[in-house]
């Protein structure tokens, strides 16, 4: 289902449902770290420099070798349950970029990408891998600066979006483009009503 509208809607719904699920405790700008540390997603976060020291390696998960900002691995917990370990490059100076990276990796978990990779034995096509990466990007963008919330707040410029949600200007431009293209969709209109109730007073 590469590049399908169905997948795009699934990603947006998963991201917005995630935001609403945590509406009682969530604050913006979002701090991705609060969703790690075990919790309901069995997801753990480890800085790259700390991982290198702890495991005595110069490049844990080969992040630097591959030019990656993060990588997530699925391991088996004590009771056989899946546990997700995300190692992120903490030498990246931009906090906005680090936040995006962390939510991107959590997106892989919540969108079922880790299960798909496991079930395929890691043998997935280049095109399909690209699709998974785009979906995780969309999840991160939607959770860090939800389009329905942008519309509710009446944000019109990249500077406003970047200031409220602490995202990069480039990310803010992309979010406003998404609002322009899809703001009148049934999906976003439905979530606008739900977010208005959940984030009253934001």
N, C-alpha and C. Protein backbone atom coordinates (compact mmCIF):
# COMPACT_ATOMS: atom_id res chain seq x y z
N UNK A 1 0.83 -1.19 0.00
CA UNK A 1 0.00 0.00 0.00
C UNK A 1 0.87 1.25 0.00
N UNK A 2 1.92 1.22 -0.76
CA UNK A 2 2.85 2.33 -0.79
C UNK A 2 2.19 3.57 -1.38
N UNK A 3 2.39 4.72 -0.70
CA UNK A 3 1.84 6.00 -1.13
C UNK A 3 0.32 6.01 -1.17
N UNK A 4 -0.34 5.17 -0.40
CA UNK A 4 -1.80 5.13 -0.43
C UNK A 4 -2.38 6.14 0.54
N UNK A 5 -3.54 6.70 0.17
CA UNK A 5 -4.24 7.63 1.05
C UNK A 5 -4.64 6.92 2.34
N UNK A 6 -4.98 5.63 2.23
CA UNK A 6 -5.37 4.87 3.41
C UNK A 6 -4.25 4.87 4.43
N UNK A 7 -3.02 4.66 3.99
CA UNK A 7 -1.89 4.68 4.91
C UNK A 7 -1.69 6.06 5.52
N UNK A 8 -1.85 7.11 4.73
CA UNK A 8 -1.70 8.46 5.24
C UNK A 8 -2.72 8.73 6.34
N UNK A 9 -3.95 8.32 6.12
CA UNK A 9 -4.98 8.52 7.13
C UNK A 9 -4.70 7.68 8.37
N UNK A 10 -4.22 6.47 8.18
CA UNK A 10 -3.88 5.60 9.32
C UNK A 10 -2.80 6.24 10.18
N UNK A 11 -1.78 6.80 9.54
CA UNK A 11 -0.70 7.44 10.28
C UNK A 11 -1.23 8.65 11.05
N UNK A 12 -2.02 9.49 10.38
CA UNK A 12 -2.56 10.68 11.04
C UNK A 12 -3.46 10.30 12.21
N UNK A 13 -4.31 9.29 12.02
CA UNK A 13 -5.20 8.86 13.09
C UNK A 13 -4.40 8.30 14.27
N UNK A 14 -3.38 7.50 13.97
CA UNK A 14 -2.55 6.94 15.03
C UNK A 14 -1.87 8.05 15.83
N UNK A 15 -1.34 9.05 15.12
CA UNK A 15 -0.66 10.16 15.78
C UNK A 15 -1.63 10.99 16.62
N UNK A 16 -2.77 11.34 16.05
CA UNK A 16 -3.72 12.19 16.76
C UNK A 16 -4.38 11.45 17.91
N UNK A 17 -4.63 10.16 17.74
CA UNK A 17 -5.15 9.35 18.86
C UNK A 17 -4.13 9.30 19.99
N UNK A 18 -2.85 9.21 19.63
CA UNK A 18 -1.79 9.22 20.63
C UNK A 18 -1.83 10.52 21.43
N UNK A 19 -1.95 11.65 20.74
CA UNK A 19 -2.01 12.95 21.41
C UNK A 19 -3.21 13.01 22.34
N UNK A 20 -4.37 12.58 21.87
CA UNK A 20 -5.58 12.63 22.69
C UNK A 20 -5.49 11.68 23.88
N UNK A 21 -4.85 10.54 23.68
CA UNK A 21 -4.70 9.55 24.77
C UNK A 21 -3.93 10.14 25.94
N UNK A 22 -3.02 11.06 25.62
CA UNK A 22 -2.19 11.66 26.66
C UNK A 22 -2.58 13.11 26.95
N UNK A 23 -3.78 13.49 26.55
CA UNK A 23 -4.19 14.90 26.65
C UNK A 23 -4.18 15.42 28.09
N UNK A 24 -4.41 14.54 29.06
CA UNK A 24 -4.45 14.98 30.46
C UNK A 24 -3.07 15.40 30.97
N UNK A 25 -2.03 14.85 30.36
CA UNK A 25 -0.68 15.12 30.87
C UNK A 25 0.22 15.80 29.84
N UNK A 26 -0.21 15.82 28.60
CA UNK A 26 0.64 16.35 27.54
C UNK A 26 0.68 17.87 27.60
N UNK A 27 1.84 18.43 27.32
CA UNK A 27 1.99 19.88 27.21
C UNK A 27 2.81 20.18 25.96
N UNK A 28 2.58 21.35 25.42
CA UNK A 28 3.36 21.80 24.26
C UNK A 28 4.16 23.02 24.65
N UNK A 29 5.43 23.07 24.18
CA UNK A 29 6.08 22.13 23.28
C UNK A 29 6.27 20.75 23.91
N UNK A 30 6.11 19.74 23.06
CA UNK A 30 6.12 18.35 23.50
C UNK A 30 7.53 17.93 23.93
N UNK A 31 7.59 17.13 24.99
CA UNK A 31 8.84 16.54 25.44
C UNK A 31 8.77 15.04 25.22
N UNK A 32 9.35 14.55 24.14
CA UNK A 32 9.24 13.12 23.79
C UNK A 32 9.74 12.18 24.88
N UNK A 33 10.67 12.62 25.71
CA UNK A 33 11.27 11.75 26.71
C UNK A 33 10.23 11.15 27.66
N UNK A 34 9.12 11.86 27.87
CA UNK A 34 8.14 11.38 28.86
C UNK A 34 7.44 10.11 28.38
N UNK A 35 7.53 9.79 27.11
CA UNK A 35 6.84 8.61 26.59
C UNK A 35 7.75 7.38 26.55
N UNK A 36 8.98 7.57 26.97
CA UNK A 36 9.92 6.46 27.04
C UNK A 36 10.09 6.05 28.51
N UNK A 37 11.11 5.27 28.79
CA UNK A 37 11.32 4.81 30.16
C UNK A 37 10.39 3.68 30.53
N UNK A 38 10.14 2.81 29.56
CA UNK A 38 9.21 1.69 29.82
C UNK A 38 7.80 2.14 29.49
N UNK A 39 6.97 2.29 30.51
CA UNK A 39 5.62 2.78 30.31
C UNK A 39 4.78 1.86 29.44
N UNK A 40 3.68 2.40 28.90
CA UNK A 40 2.76 1.55 28.15
C UNK A 40 3.32 1.04 26.82
N UNK A 41 4.41 1.64 26.36
CA UNK A 41 4.94 1.26 25.05
C UNK A 41 6.20 0.40 25.14
N UNK A 42 6.65 0.11 26.37
CA UNK A 42 7.87 -0.68 26.56
C UNK A 42 9.03 -0.12 25.75
N UNK A 43 9.11 1.21 25.70
CA UNK A 43 10.12 1.88 24.90
C UNK A 43 11.12 2.59 25.82
N UNK A 44 12.38 2.44 25.50
CA UNK A 44 13.45 3.02 26.30
C UNK A 44 14.34 3.88 25.41
N UNK A 45 14.87 4.94 26.00
CA UNK A 45 15.66 5.92 25.27
C UNK A 45 17.05 5.99 25.87
N UNK A 46 18.06 5.94 25.01
CA UNK A 46 19.45 5.96 25.47
C UNK A 46 20.28 6.89 24.59
N UNK A 47 20.96 7.87 25.19
CA UNK A 47 21.83 8.74 24.38
C UNK A 47 22.99 7.94 23.79
N UNK A 48 23.38 8.30 22.59
CA UNK A 48 24.43 7.59 21.88
C UNK A 48 25.75 7.61 22.65
N UNK A 49 26.13 8.77 23.20
CA UNK A 49 27.41 8.86 23.91
C UNK A 49 27.40 7.96 25.14
N UNK A 50 26.28 7.89 25.83
CA UNK A 50 26.17 7.02 27.01
C UNK A 50 26.23 5.56 26.61
N UNK A 51 25.58 5.21 25.49
CA UNK A 51 25.61 3.83 25.01
C UNK A 51 27.03 3.41 24.63
N UNK A 52 27.75 4.32 23.97
CA UNK A 52 29.13 4.00 23.59
C UNK A 52 30.00 3.73 24.81
N UNK A 53 29.84 4.55 25.85
CA UNK A 53 30.61 4.35 27.08
C UNK A 53 30.22 3.04 27.77
N UNK A 54 28.92 2.81 27.87
CA UNK A 54 28.44 1.64 28.60
C UNK A 54 28.83 0.33 27.93
N UNK A 55 28.85 0.32 26.61
CA UNK A 55 29.11 -0.92 25.88
C UNK A 55 30.52 -0.98 25.29
N UNK A 56 31.33 0.04 25.59
CA UNK A 56 32.72 0.02 25.17
C UNK A 56 32.92 -0.02 23.67
N UNK A 57 32.11 0.76 22.95
CA UNK A 57 32.24 0.81 21.50
C UNK A 57 32.36 2.25 21.05
N UNK A 58 33.00 2.46 19.90
CA UNK A 58 33.19 3.82 19.39
C UNK A 58 31.96 4.33 18.66
N UNK A 59 31.07 3.43 18.23
CA UNK A 59 29.91 3.87 17.44
C UNK A 59 28.76 2.89 17.65
N UNK A 60 28.06 3.04 18.76
CA UNK A 60 26.95 2.14 19.08
C UNK A 60 25.86 2.23 18.01
N UNK A 61 25.36 1.07 17.61
CA UNK A 61 24.35 0.96 16.54
C UNK A 61 24.85 1.51 15.20
N UNK A 62 26.15 1.84 15.12
CA UNK A 62 26.74 2.38 13.88
C UNK A 62 26.02 3.64 13.39
N UNK A 63 25.59 4.47 14.36
CA UNK A 63 24.86 5.68 13.96
C UNK A 63 25.71 6.60 13.10
N UNK A 64 26.95 6.83 13.54
CA UNK A 64 27.81 7.76 12.81
C UNK A 64 28.19 7.18 11.44
N UNK A 65 28.43 5.90 11.41
CA UNK A 65 28.80 5.25 10.15
C UNK A 65 27.71 5.43 9.11
N UNK A 66 26.46 5.31 9.53
CA UNK A 66 25.34 5.38 8.60
C UNK A 66 24.75 6.79 8.50
N UNK A 67 25.30 7.73 9.26
CA UNK A 67 24.78 9.10 9.20
C UNK A 67 23.37 9.20 9.73
N UNK A 68 23.03 8.37 10.71
CA UNK A 68 21.67 8.33 11.25
C UNK A 68 21.59 9.14 12.54
N UNK A 69 20.42 9.71 12.78
CA UNK A 69 20.19 10.44 14.03
C UNK A 69 19.77 9.50 15.15
N UNK A 70 19.28 8.31 14.81
CA UNK A 70 18.82 7.36 15.83
C UNK A 70 18.59 6.00 15.19
N UNK A 71 18.45 5.01 16.03
CA UNK A 71 18.08 3.66 15.59
C UNK A 71 17.33 2.99 16.73
N UNK A 72 16.40 2.14 16.38
CA UNK A 72 15.61 1.43 17.38
C UNK A 72 15.70 -0.07 17.12
N UNK A 73 15.90 -0.80 18.20
CA UNK A 73 15.98 -2.25 18.11
C UNK A 73 14.92 -2.86 19.01
N UNK A 74 14.38 -3.98 18.61
CA UNK A 74 13.39 -4.69 19.41
C UNK A 74 14.05 -5.92 20.01
N UNK A 75 13.99 -6.02 21.33
CA UNK A 75 14.55 -7.17 22.03
C UNK A 75 13.46 -7.81 22.87
N UNK A 76 13.75 -8.99 23.39
CA UNK A 76 12.77 -9.72 24.19
C UNK A 76 12.95 -9.40 25.65
N UNK A 77 11.85 -9.03 26.31
CA UNK A 77 11.89 -8.73 27.74
C UNK A 77 11.93 -9.99 28.58
N UNK A 78 11.97 -9.81 29.88
CA UNK A 78 12.08 -10.94 30.81
C UNK A 78 10.91 -11.91 30.69
N UNK A 79 9.74 -11.38 30.34
CA UNK A 79 8.55 -12.23 30.23
C UNK A 79 8.21 -12.55 28.78
N UNK A 80 9.16 -12.30 27.89
CA UNK A 80 8.95 -12.59 26.48
C UNK A 80 8.28 -11.49 25.71
N UNK A 81 7.97 -10.37 26.38
CA UNK A 81 7.31 -9.26 25.70
C UNK A 81 8.34 -8.45 24.92
N UNK A 82 7.91 -7.80 23.84
CA UNK A 82 8.85 -6.97 23.07
C UNK A 82 9.21 -5.71 23.84
N UNK A 83 10.49 -5.38 23.84
CA UNK A 83 11.00 -4.15 24.45
C UNK A 83 11.76 -3.40 23.36
N UNK A 84 11.53 -2.09 23.28
CA UNK A 84 12.11 -1.29 22.22
C UNK A 84 13.17 -0.34 22.79
N UNK A 85 14.37 -0.43 22.26
CA UNK A 85 15.47 0.42 22.69
C UNK A 85 15.82 1.38 21.56
N UNK A 86 15.67 2.67 21.84
CA UNK A 86 16.05 3.71 20.88
C UNK A 86 17.32 4.38 21.36
N UNK A 87 18.34 4.36 20.52
CA UNK A 87 19.57 5.09 20.77
C UNK A 87 19.57 6.29 19.83
N UNK A 88 19.71 7.49 20.40
CA UNK A 88 19.66 8.70 19.58
C UNK A 88 20.98 9.46 19.71
N UNK A 89 21.31 10.19 18.68
CA UNK A 89 22.57 10.94 18.64
C UNK A 89 22.42 12.22 19.45
N UNK A 90 22.91 12.18 20.68
CA UNK A 90 22.80 13.34 21.56
C UNK A 90 23.85 14.40 21.27
N UNK A 91 24.72 14.16 20.27
CA UNK A 91 25.66 15.21 19.86
C UNK A 91 25.02 16.20 18.90
N UNK A 92 23.82 15.88 18.42
CA UNK A 92 23.07 16.82 17.57
C UNK A 92 22.68 18.02 18.42
N UNK A 93 23.02 19.21 17.97
CA UNK A 93 22.83 20.42 18.78
C UNK A 93 21.39 20.91 18.80
N UNK A 94 20.66 20.71 17.71
CA UNK A 94 19.30 21.23 17.61
C UNK A 94 18.34 20.39 18.45
N UNK A 95 17.71 21.02 19.46
CA UNK A 95 16.74 20.32 20.28
C UNK A 95 15.48 19.98 19.48
N UNK A 96 15.13 20.85 18.52
CA UNK A 96 13.97 20.56 17.68
C UNK A 96 14.21 19.30 16.86
N UNK A 97 15.41 19.18 16.34
CA UNK A 97 15.75 17.98 15.55
C UNK A 97 15.77 16.74 16.43
N UNK A 98 16.31 16.86 17.64
CA UNK A 98 16.32 15.71 18.55
C UNK A 98 14.89 15.28 18.89
N UNK A 99 14.02 16.24 19.15
CA UNK A 99 12.62 15.91 19.46
C UNK A 99 11.96 15.19 18.30
N UNK A 100 12.20 15.69 17.09
CA UNK A 100 11.62 15.06 15.91
C UNK A 100 12.14 13.63 15.78
N UNK A 101 13.43 13.45 16.00
CA UNK A 101 14.03 12.11 15.87
C UNK A 101 13.41 11.14 16.87
N UNK A 102 13.24 11.57 18.09
CA UNK A 102 12.69 10.68 19.13
C UNK A 102 11.24 10.29 18.80
N UNK A 103 10.43 11.25 18.35
CA UNK A 103 9.05 10.93 18.02
C UNK A 103 8.99 10.09 16.74
N UNK A 104 9.92 10.30 15.82
CA UNK A 104 10.03 9.46 14.62
C UNK A 104 10.26 8.01 15.03
N UNK A 105 11.17 7.78 15.96
CA UNK A 105 11.47 6.40 16.39
C UNK A 105 10.30 5.80 17.14
N UNK A 106 9.63 6.58 17.97
CA UNK A 106 8.45 6.06 18.66
C UNK A 106 7.35 5.76 17.65
N UNK A 107 7.30 6.54 16.58
CA UNK A 107 6.34 6.28 15.51
C UNK A 107 6.54 4.90 14.89
N UNK A 108 7.80 4.52 14.70
CA UNK A 108 8.07 3.18 14.17
C UNK A 108 7.43 2.11 15.06
N UNK A 109 7.49 2.32 16.37
CA UNK A 109 6.92 1.35 17.31
C UNK A 109 5.40 1.34 17.23
N UNK A 110 4.78 2.51 17.32
CA UNK A 110 3.32 2.59 17.40
C UNK A 110 2.63 2.29 16.08
N UNK A 111 3.34 2.48 14.99
CA UNK A 111 2.76 2.17 13.68
C UNK A 111 2.95 0.71 13.27
N UNK A 112 3.61 -0.05 14.13
CA UNK A 112 3.79 -1.48 13.85
C UNK A 112 4.94 -1.80 12.93
N UNK A 113 5.81 -0.83 12.67
CA UNK A 113 6.92 -1.06 11.74
C UNK A 113 7.91 -2.09 12.27
N UNK A 114 8.13 -2.08 13.58
CA UNK A 114 9.09 -3.01 14.16
C UNK A 114 8.60 -4.44 13.98
N UNK A 115 7.30 -4.64 14.12
CA UNK A 115 6.72 -5.98 13.93
C UNK A 115 6.84 -6.41 12.47
N UNK A 116 6.62 -5.46 11.55
CA UNK A 116 6.73 -5.79 10.13
C UNK A 116 8.15 -6.21 9.77
N UNK A 117 9.12 -5.48 10.32
CA UNK A 117 10.52 -5.83 10.04
C UNK A 117 10.88 -7.18 10.64
N UNK A 118 10.37 -7.45 11.85
CA UNK A 118 10.65 -8.74 12.48
C UNK A 118 10.03 -9.88 11.69
N UNK A 119 8.78 -9.69 11.29
CA UNK A 119 8.07 -10.76 10.58
C UNK A 119 8.68 -11.05 9.22
N UNK A 120 9.34 -10.04 8.64
CA UNK A 120 9.96 -10.24 7.33
C UNK A 120 11.42 -10.69 7.46
N UNK A 121 11.87 -10.87 8.70
CA UNK A 121 13.26 -11.23 8.91
C UNK A 121 14.21 -10.12 8.52
N UNK A 122 13.71 -8.89 8.52
CA UNK A 122 14.54 -7.74 8.15
C UNK A 122 14.72 -7.59 6.65
N UNK A 123 14.07 -8.47 5.87
CA UNK A 123 14.23 -8.43 4.42
C UNK A 123 13.06 -7.67 3.80
N UNK A 124 13.20 -6.36 3.75
CA UNK A 124 12.17 -5.53 3.15
C UNK A 124 12.80 -4.72 2.02
N UNK A 125 11.99 -4.40 1.04
CA UNK A 125 12.50 -3.71 -0.14
C UNK A 125 12.89 -2.28 0.20
N UNK A 126 13.73 -1.72 -0.65
CA UNK A 126 14.15 -0.32 -0.48
C UNK A 126 12.93 0.60 -0.53
N UNK A 127 12.01 0.33 -1.44
CA UNK A 127 10.82 1.18 -1.58
C UNK A 127 9.95 1.10 -0.33
N UNK A 128 9.79 -0.10 0.20
CA UNK A 128 8.95 -0.26 1.39
C UNK A 128 9.62 0.37 2.60
N UNK A 129 10.94 0.25 2.70
CA UNK A 129 11.66 0.89 3.81
C UNK A 129 11.46 2.41 3.74
N UNK A 130 11.50 2.95 2.52
CA UNK A 130 11.27 4.37 2.36
C UNK A 130 9.89 4.78 2.81
N UNK A 131 8.91 3.92 2.52
CA UNK A 131 7.54 4.19 2.96
C UNK A 131 7.44 4.22 4.48
N UNK A 132 8.10 3.27 5.14
CA UNK A 132 8.08 3.24 6.60
C UNK A 132 8.72 4.50 7.18
N UNK A 133 9.79 4.95 6.57
CA UNK A 133 10.46 6.17 7.05
C UNK A 133 9.56 7.40 6.88
N UNK A 134 8.86 7.48 5.75
CA UNK A 134 7.96 8.62 5.54
C UNK A 134 6.80 8.58 6.52
N UNK A 135 6.31 7.38 6.82
CA UNK A 135 5.23 7.28 7.79
C UNK A 135 5.68 7.72 9.17
N UNK A 136 6.89 7.31 9.57
CA UNK A 136 7.41 7.72 10.88
C UNK A 136 7.64 9.23 10.92
N UNK A 137 8.09 9.80 9.80
CA UNK A 137 8.23 11.26 9.72
C UNK A 137 6.88 11.95 9.92
N UNK A 138 5.86 11.42 9.26
CA UNK A 138 4.52 12.01 9.37
C UNK A 138 3.99 11.90 10.80
N UNK A 139 4.24 10.77 11.43
CA UNK A 139 3.82 10.59 12.83
C UNK A 139 4.48 11.63 13.71
N UNK A 140 5.79 11.81 13.55
CA UNK A 140 6.52 12.78 14.36
C UNK A 140 5.98 14.19 14.15
N UNK A 141 5.77 14.56 12.89
CA UNK A 141 5.28 15.90 12.59
C UNK A 141 3.90 16.13 13.20
N UNK A 142 3.03 15.13 13.10
CA UNK A 142 1.66 15.28 13.57
C UNK A 142 1.57 15.32 15.09
N UNK A 143 2.44 14.60 15.77
CA UNK A 143 2.40 14.63 17.23
C UNK A 143 3.05 15.89 17.80
N UNK A 144 4.13 16.33 17.17
CA UNK A 144 4.84 17.51 17.67
C UNK A 144 4.09 18.81 17.41
N UNK A 145 3.34 18.86 16.31
CA UNK A 145 2.54 20.06 16.00
C UNK A 145 1.29 19.62 15.25
N UNK A 146 0.29 19.13 15.98
CA UNK A 146 -0.91 18.58 15.35
C UNK A 146 -1.64 19.61 14.49
N UNK A 147 -1.98 19.21 13.28
CA UNK A 147 -2.67 20.13 12.37
C UNK A 147 -3.99 20.65 12.97
N UNK A 148 -4.82 19.79 13.58
CA UNK A 148 -6.07 20.32 14.16
C UNK A 148 -5.82 21.38 15.23
N UNK A 149 -4.73 21.22 15.98
CA UNK A 149 -4.41 22.21 17.02
C UNK A 149 -3.90 23.51 16.39
N UNK A 150 -3.14 23.39 15.32
CA UNK A 150 -2.69 24.58 14.59
C UNK A 150 -3.90 25.37 14.11
N UNK A 151 -4.90 24.66 13.59
CA UNK A 151 -6.11 25.33 13.09
C UNK A 151 -6.90 25.95 14.23
N UNK A 152 -7.03 25.23 15.34
CA UNK A 152 -7.77 25.75 16.49
C UNK A 152 -7.14 27.02 17.04
N UNK A 153 -5.83 27.07 17.03
CA UNK A 153 -5.11 28.23 17.56
C UNK A 153 -5.04 29.38 16.56
N UNK A 154 -5.44 29.12 15.31
CA UNK A 154 -5.42 30.15 14.28
C UNK A 154 -4.03 30.58 13.88
N UNK A 155 -3.07 29.63 13.94
CA UNK A 155 -1.70 29.97 13.57
C UNK A 155 -1.59 30.04 12.05
N UNK A 156 -1.00 31.11 11.55
CA UNK A 156 -0.98 31.35 10.10
C UNK A 156 0.42 31.41 9.49
N UNK A 157 1.43 31.63 10.30
CA UNK A 157 2.77 31.80 9.75
C UNK A 157 3.71 30.74 10.32
N UNK A 158 4.78 30.42 9.59
CA UNK A 158 5.77 29.47 10.10
C UNK A 158 6.37 29.91 11.42
N UNK A 159 6.55 31.22 11.58
CA UNK A 159 7.13 31.74 12.81
C UNK A 159 6.22 31.45 14.00
N UNK A 160 4.92 31.58 13.81
CA UNK A 160 3.97 31.30 14.90
C UNK A 160 3.99 29.82 15.27
N UNK A 161 3.96 28.97 14.26
CA UNK A 161 3.97 27.52 14.53
C UNK A 161 5.27 27.11 15.21
N UNK A 162 6.39 27.62 14.73
CA UNK A 162 7.69 27.28 15.31
C UNK A 162 7.78 27.76 16.75
N UNK A 163 7.22 28.93 17.04
CA UNK A 163 7.30 29.48 18.40
C UNK A 163 6.44 28.69 19.38
N UNK A 164 5.22 28.35 18.98
CA UNK A 164 4.30 27.66 19.88
C UNK A 164 4.74 26.23 20.14
N UNK A 165 5.17 25.53 19.09
CA UNK A 165 5.48 24.11 19.22
C UNK A 165 6.97 23.80 19.31
N UNK A 166 7.83 24.82 19.20
CA UNK A 166 9.29 24.65 19.27
C UNK A 166 9.78 23.64 18.23
N UNK A 167 9.28 23.79 17.01
CA UNK A 167 9.77 22.99 15.90
C UNK A 167 10.59 23.89 15.00
N UNK A 168 11.34 23.29 14.08
CA UNK A 168 12.15 24.09 13.17
C UNK A 168 11.24 24.87 12.21
N UNK A 169 11.80 25.90 11.62
CA UNK A 169 11.01 26.68 10.66
C UNK A 169 10.60 25.82 9.46
N UNK A 170 11.53 24.96 9.02
CA UNK A 170 11.21 24.08 7.89
C UNK A 170 10.05 23.16 8.24
N UNK A 171 10.05 22.62 9.46
CA UNK A 171 8.95 21.76 9.90
C UNK A 171 7.65 22.55 9.97
N UNK A 172 7.73 23.79 10.45
CA UNK A 172 6.54 24.63 10.54
C UNK A 172 5.96 24.92 9.16
N UNK A 173 6.82 25.18 8.19
CA UNK A 173 6.36 25.41 6.81
C UNK A 173 5.62 24.17 6.30
N UNK A 174 6.17 22.99 6.55
CA UNK A 174 5.53 21.75 6.10
C UNK A 174 4.19 21.53 6.78
N UNK A 175 4.09 21.88 8.07
CA UNK A 175 2.82 21.70 8.76
C UNK A 175 1.75 22.62 8.18
N UNK A 176 2.12 23.85 7.88
CA UNK A 176 1.15 24.78 7.31
C UNK A 176 0.72 24.35 5.91
N UNK A 177 1.63 23.75 5.16
CA UNK A 177 1.27 23.22 3.85
C UNK A 177 0.26 22.08 4.02
N UNK A 178 0.45 21.25 5.02
CA UNK A 178 -0.48 20.16 5.27
C UNK A 178 -1.85 20.70 5.66
N UNK A 179 -1.87 21.74 6.49
CA UNK A 179 -3.13 22.38 6.87
C UNK A 179 -3.83 22.95 5.65
N UNK A 180 -3.06 23.59 4.77
CA UNK A 180 -3.64 24.17 3.56
C UNK A 180 -4.25 23.10 2.66
N UNK A 181 -3.54 21.95 2.54
CA UNK A 181 -4.03 20.89 1.66
C UNK A 181 -5.18 20.10 2.27
N UNK A 182 -5.10 19.84 3.58
CA UNK A 182 -6.02 18.88 4.19
C UNK A 182 -6.87 19.44 5.32
N UNK A 183 -6.79 20.76 5.52
CA UNK A 183 -7.51 21.35 6.65
C UNK A 183 -9.01 21.14 6.62
N UNK A 184 -9.57 21.01 5.44
CA UNK A 184 -11.02 20.81 5.33
C UNK A 184 -11.41 19.33 5.26
N UNK A 185 -10.46 18.45 5.43
CA UNK A 185 -10.79 17.03 5.36
C UNK A 185 -11.64 16.62 6.56
N UNK A 186 -12.43 15.58 6.36
CA UNK A 186 -13.28 15.08 7.44
C UNK A 186 -12.44 14.64 8.63
N UNK A 187 -11.28 14.05 8.33
CA UNK A 187 -10.39 13.57 9.39
C UNK A 187 -9.98 14.71 10.32
N UNK A 188 -9.43 15.79 9.75
CA UNK A 188 -8.96 16.89 10.59
C UNK A 188 -10.11 17.62 11.26
N UNK A 189 -11.22 17.76 10.58
CA UNK A 189 -12.37 18.44 11.18
C UNK A 189 -12.88 17.66 12.39
N UNK A 190 -12.90 16.34 12.28
CA UNK A 190 -13.33 15.50 13.40
C UNK A 190 -12.39 15.68 14.60
N UNK A 191 -11.10 15.64 14.33
CA UNK A 191 -10.13 15.77 15.42
C UNK A 191 -10.07 17.18 15.98
N UNK A 192 -10.45 18.18 15.19
CA UNK A 192 -10.52 19.55 15.72
C UNK A 192 -11.50 19.62 16.87
N UNK A 193 -12.67 19.03 16.69
CA UNK A 193 -13.67 19.04 17.76
C UNK A 193 -13.19 18.31 19.00
N UNK A 194 -12.56 17.18 18.79
CA UNK A 194 -12.07 16.40 19.92
C UNK A 194 -10.93 17.10 20.64
N UNK A 195 -10.06 17.75 19.89
CA UNK A 195 -8.94 18.46 20.51
C UNK A 195 -9.39 19.74 21.19
N UNK A 196 -10.43 20.37 20.66
CA UNK A 196 -10.96 21.56 21.31
C UNK A 196 -11.42 21.24 22.71
N UNK A 197 -12.07 20.08 22.88
CA UNK A 197 -12.53 19.66 24.21
C UNK A 197 -11.35 19.24 25.08
N UNK A 198 -10.39 18.53 24.48
CA UNK A 198 -9.28 17.98 25.27
C UNK A 198 -8.28 19.04 25.70
N UNK A 199 -8.09 20.06 24.85
CA UNK A 199 -7.06 21.07 25.11
C UNK A 199 -7.68 22.44 25.40
N UNK A 200 -8.87 22.45 25.96
CA UNK A 200 -9.51 23.72 26.29
C UNK A 200 -8.61 24.50 27.25
N UNK A 201 -8.35 25.75 26.91
CA UNK A 201 -7.51 26.58 27.75
C UNK A 201 -6.04 26.54 27.37
N UNK A 202 -5.69 25.76 26.32
CA UNK A 202 -4.28 25.68 25.89
C UNK A 202 -3.79 27.03 25.41
